[in-house]
């Protein structure tokens, strides 16, 4: 497992070429990219040049966004995203990206559970089938906090069990999960539930922590802390589950919080890299936090 940076999760608004330097200086081993926003920027920079600069910086591909960031967007937006998916996927694959993700919202104000399930199955199949031609896996993230579905007309998938049932219906070999320790903890799930997964189904992983002074039901997706910052989420158990199942992919912090808008990019990236590496060091029994580039020449 290796630390990877998705810049906008800590309010860094930088194009991918600039993000290479930010990730390298902070000590990340990987870089995540929103190709749904930045495909044209990467093409303009030069795909070969971009790949060379990533390699020179010692960065490997993490995960990426190729479709809409939420499966349940309106039909017009989904159709527009799908129409451009082969072009985006082609660029991503040229750069070595093999992991793409999107989010399953845990509610709908229009569709009941059965109709929402049918829509998600159809769209995930649609994206997965296109991405399969490029050798890219498509992971979907379930969202667990009660605060995210309170007051909504229809609840939808919001835990690991439900996500696995959704994927059973999708029935595509390259369709899998994006796991987030925040949602895992909010759903009251266990280390063993992760350990029992086939590692090929885990496409990407998010790390973060709970805000102090709030119950599980009061936690909100828009206010999360750096992994290990409060110690309220048992990140070591989460990581043990990943190791036991054989996951070896990127670890991306998602400490979404308004505070990041006031933090300079390099400082935000360094704090975020240090938090992931510290969690890994504690998990591995190490005394210091170092990137894989430093610890494995």
Foldseek 3Di string as FASTA:
>chain_A
DFAEEDQPLLPDDDAPQVVLVLLLLLFGQEYEEALVPHVVVCVVVPLVVSLVSNVVSNHAYAAYAQAPQALPDDPVRRVVSLVCRLVSLVSCVSSPHAFHEHEYQFADQPDAAVVSLVSSLVSLLSNQVSNVVSNHAYAYEAAAALVRCPPHDHTYDHAPVRVVVSVVSSPDQRYAHEEELLSCVLVVHFLVVLLPDQQSRHRHYEAWAFDPPDDSNPTDLQATHAHPPVCPGVVLSNVSSCVNNPHDGYYYYNRHYPVSNPDDSSVSSNVNNLSVQVSVCVSVVHDGGHGCVVVPD
